[in-house]
Each structure stands twice: as C-alpha cells, then as structure tokens.
C-alpha cells in the first residue's frame, strides 16, 4: 500500500484550475441549452428537477 501524501500547493492550484475550467464549461453549456429551449436537468435528493419547472421522482431499485 502506498503511503499517504499531502497534496502540495502546486497540486491544489492545478486542481482548482481544472475545477474552474469545468464549471465555466458547464455554465456555458447550460446557457446554450436555455437559448435553444432545452431544459437543464439536475438530481436533487433522489429527484430529477429541470430548470423548466418539471420534477421527476426516482425510485430506488431494491437491494
């Protein structure tokens, strides 16, 4: 097993950059969908919710 290491500030800065790029891309895609009239869907507490006001309740499969 590999020993646990603490990420360096350089690693943390790179991770933050990657997350920032991903968030910008997601927001741009969501805005493009809105302009085209395509609803964006999100999962909140086992519910699918769209920004168009629709809600779909999800059923969990039995274990």
N, C-alpha and C. Protein backbone atom coordinates (compact mmCIF):
# COMPACT_ATOMS: atom_id res chain seq x y z
N UNK A 1 0.85 -1.16 0.00
CA UNK A 1 0.00 0.00 0.00
C UNK A 1 0.91 1.24 0.00
N UNK A 2 0.51 2.24 -0.79
CA UNK A 2 1.29 3.46 -0.89
C UNK A 2 1.08 4.33 0.35
N UNK A 3 2.13 4.98 0.80
CA UNK A 3 1.94 5.88 1.94
C UNK A 3 1.11 7.09 1.54
N UNK A 4 0.33 7.60 2.48
CA UNK A 4 -0.50 8.77 2.20
C UNK A 4 0.40 10.00 2.13
N UNK A 5 0.15 10.82 1.11
CA UNK A 5 0.91 12.06 0.98
C UNK A 5 -0.06 13.23 0.97
N UNK A 6 0.42 14.35 1.42
CA UNK A 6 -0.39 15.56 1.42
C UNK A 6 -0.17 16.28 0.10
N UNK A 7 -1.25 16.70 -0.58
CA UNK A 7 -1.06 17.41 -1.84
C UNK A 7 -0.34 18.74 -1.60
N UNK A 8 0.55 19.07 -2.52
CA UNK A 8 1.28 20.33 -2.42
C UNK A 8 0.39 21.48 -2.87
N UNK A 9 0.83 22.68 -2.58
CA UNK A 9 0.09 23.86 -3.02
C UNK A 9 -0.01 23.90 -4.54
N UNK A 10 1.04 23.43 -5.22
CA UNK A 10 1.03 23.38 -6.68
C UNK A 10 -0.07 22.45 -7.18
N UNK A 11 -0.20 21.29 -6.54
CA UNK A 11 -1.25 20.34 -6.92
C UNK A 11 -2.63 20.93 -6.65
N UNK A 12 -2.80 21.55 -5.50
CA UNK A 12 -4.09 22.14 -5.16
C UNK A 12 -4.46 23.26 -6.13
N UNK A 13 -3.48 24.05 -6.54
CA UNK A 13 -3.74 25.12 -7.50
C UNK A 13 -4.15 24.54 -8.85
N UNK A 14 -3.51 23.46 -9.26
CA UNK A 14 -3.86 22.83 -10.53
C UNK A 14 -5.27 22.24 -10.47
N UNK A 15 -5.60 21.60 -9.37
CA UNK A 15 -6.95 21.05 -9.19
C UNK A 15 -7.99 22.17 -9.25
N UNK A 16 -7.71 23.28 -8.59
CA UNK A 16 -8.64 24.42 -8.60
C UNK A 16 -8.82 24.95 -10.02
N UNK A 17 -7.73 25.00 -10.80
CA UNK A 17 -7.83 25.45 -12.20
C UNK A 17 -8.71 24.51 -13.01
N UNK A 18 -8.53 23.21 -12.83
CA UNK A 18 -9.33 22.23 -13.58
C UNK A 18 -10.81 22.35 -13.22
N UNK A 19 -11.10 22.49 -11.94
CA UNK A 19 -12.49 22.64 -11.49
C UNK A 19 -13.09 23.92 -12.06
N UNK A 20 -12.32 25.01 -12.05
CA UNK A 20 -12.79 26.29 -12.58
C UNK A 20 -13.12 26.17 -14.07
N UNK A 21 -12.26 25.50 -14.83
CA UNK A 21 -12.50 25.32 -16.27
C UNK A 21 -13.77 24.49 -16.48
N UNK A 22 -13.93 23.42 -15.71
CA UNK A 22 -15.12 22.58 -15.83
C UNK A 22 -16.40 23.33 -15.48
N UNK A 23 -16.35 24.14 -14.44
CA UNK A 23 -17.54 24.91 -14.05
C UNK A 23 -17.92 25.92 -15.12
N UNK A 24 -16.92 26.58 -15.71
CA UNK A 24 -17.21 27.54 -16.79
C UNK A 24 -17.85 26.84 -17.98
N UNK A 25 -17.32 25.67 -18.33
CA UNK A 25 -17.85 24.92 -19.47
C UNK A 25 -19.29 24.48 -19.19
N UNK A 26 -19.56 24.02 -17.97
CA UNK A 26 -20.92 23.59 -17.62
C UNK A 26 -21.89 24.75 -17.68
N UNK A 27 -21.50 25.91 -17.14
CA UNK A 27 -22.38 27.09 -17.20
C UNK A 27 -22.63 27.53 -18.63
N UNK A 28 -21.59 27.47 -19.48
CA UNK A 28 -21.77 27.86 -20.88
C UNK A 28 -22.72 26.90 -21.59
N UNK A 29 -22.59 25.60 -21.31
CA UNK A 29 -23.49 24.61 -21.93
C UNK A 29 -24.92 24.80 -21.45
N UNK A 30 -25.10 25.08 -20.16
CA UNK A 30 -26.44 25.31 -19.63
C UNK A 30 -27.08 26.54 -20.27
N UNK A 31 -26.31 27.60 -20.42
CA UNK A 31 -26.84 28.82 -21.04
C UNK A 31 -27.19 28.57 -22.51
N UNK A 32 -26.35 27.81 -23.21
CA UNK A 32 -26.64 27.49 -24.61
C UNK A 32 -27.93 26.68 -24.71
N UNK A 33 -28.14 25.74 -23.79
CA UNK A 33 -29.37 24.95 -23.78
C UNK A 33 -30.58 25.83 -23.55
N UNK A 34 -30.47 26.77 -22.62
CA UNK A 34 -31.60 27.68 -22.35
C UNK A 34 -31.95 28.49 -23.59
N UNK A 35 -30.95 28.97 -24.30
CA UNK A 35 -31.20 29.76 -25.52
C UNK A 35 -31.89 28.92 -26.59
N UNK A 36 -31.61 27.61 -26.61
CA UNK A 36 -32.24 26.71 -27.58
C UNK A 36 -33.57 26.16 -27.09
N UNK A 37 -33.94 26.47 -25.86
CA UNK A 37 -35.19 25.98 -25.30
C UNK A 37 -35.10 24.56 -24.76
N UNK A 38 -33.89 24.09 -24.51
CA UNK A 38 -33.69 22.75 -23.97
C UNK A 38 -33.53 22.86 -22.46
N UNK A 39 -34.37 22.15 -21.67
CA UNK A 39 -34.25 22.27 -20.21
C UNK A 39 -32.99 21.58 -19.70
N UNK A 40 -32.41 22.13 -18.67
CA UNK A 40 -31.28 21.51 -17.97
C UNK A 40 -31.85 20.70 -16.80
N UNK A 41 -31.31 19.51 -16.59
CA UNK A 41 -31.81 18.63 -15.54
C UNK A 41 -30.76 18.46 -14.46
N UNK A 42 -31.23 18.40 -13.20
CA UNK A 42 -30.36 18.24 -12.05
C UNK A 42 -30.95 17.17 -11.14
N UNK A 43 -30.10 16.47 -10.41
CA UNK A 43 -30.54 15.48 -9.44
C UNK A 43 -30.43 16.08 -8.05
N UNK A 44 -31.58 16.23 -7.37
CA UNK A 44 -31.61 16.78 -6.01
C UNK A 44 -32.42 15.85 -5.12
N UNK A 45 -31.79 15.26 -4.14
CA UNK A 45 -32.47 14.39 -3.17
C UNK A 45 -33.34 13.34 -3.86
N UNK A 46 -32.74 12.57 -4.75
CA UNK A 46 -33.43 11.50 -5.47
C UNK A 46 -34.57 12.00 -6.34
N UNK A 47 -34.50 13.24 -6.77
CA UNK A 47 -35.50 13.78 -7.70
C UNK A 47 -34.75 14.38 -8.87
N UNK A 48 -35.28 14.20 -10.07
CA UNK A 48 -34.76 14.91 -11.23
C UNK A 48 -35.57 16.19 -11.35
N UNK A 49 -34.89 17.31 -11.38
CA UNK A 49 -35.54 18.61 -11.44
C UNK A 49 -34.98 19.36 -12.64
N UNK A 50 -35.87 19.94 -13.44
CA UNK A 50 -35.40 20.73 -14.57
C UNK A 50 -35.58 22.21 -14.26
N UNK A 51 -34.81 23.03 -14.95
CA UNK A 51 -34.97 24.47 -14.75
C UNK A 51 -36.21 24.98 -15.47
N UNK A 52 -36.95 24.08 -16.12
CA UNK A 52 -38.23 24.45 -16.74
C UNK A 52 -39.39 24.17 -15.77
N UNK A 53 -39.07 23.73 -14.54
CA UNK A 53 -40.09 23.54 -13.52
C UNK A 53 -40.61 22.11 -13.40
N UNK A 54 -40.09 21.18 -14.18
CA UNK A 54 -40.55 19.80 -14.11
C UNK A 54 -39.81 19.06 -13.00
N UNK A 55 -40.50 18.12 -12.35
CA UNK A 55 -39.89 17.29 -11.32
C UNK A 55 -40.25 15.84 -11.60
N UNK A 56 -39.26 14.96 -11.55
CA UNK A 56 -39.47 13.53 -11.73
C UNK A 56 -38.91 12.84 -10.49
N UNK A 57 -39.73 12.05 -9.81
CA UNK A 57 -39.28 11.33 -8.63
C UNK A 57 -38.66 10.02 -9.07
N UNK A 58 -37.50 9.71 -8.51
CA UNK A 58 -36.79 8.49 -8.85
C UNK A 58 -37.10 7.41 -7.83
N UNK A 59 -37.26 6.19 -8.30
CA UNK A 59 -37.47 5.05 -7.41
C UNK A 59 -36.17 4.27 -7.35
N UNK A 60 -35.74 3.96 -6.15
CA UNK A 60 -34.52 3.17 -5.98
C UNK A 60 -34.84 1.70 -6.20
N UNK A 61 -33.91 1.01 -6.84
CA UNK A 61 -34.06 -0.42 -7.06
C UNK A 61 -33.84 -1.14 -5.73
N UNK A 62 -34.61 -2.20 -5.47
CA UNK A 62 -34.40 -2.94 -4.23
C UNK A 62 -33.00 -3.56 -4.20
N UNK A 63 -32.40 -3.59 -3.03
CA UNK A 63 -31.02 -4.10 -2.89
C UNK A 63 -30.98 -5.60 -2.95
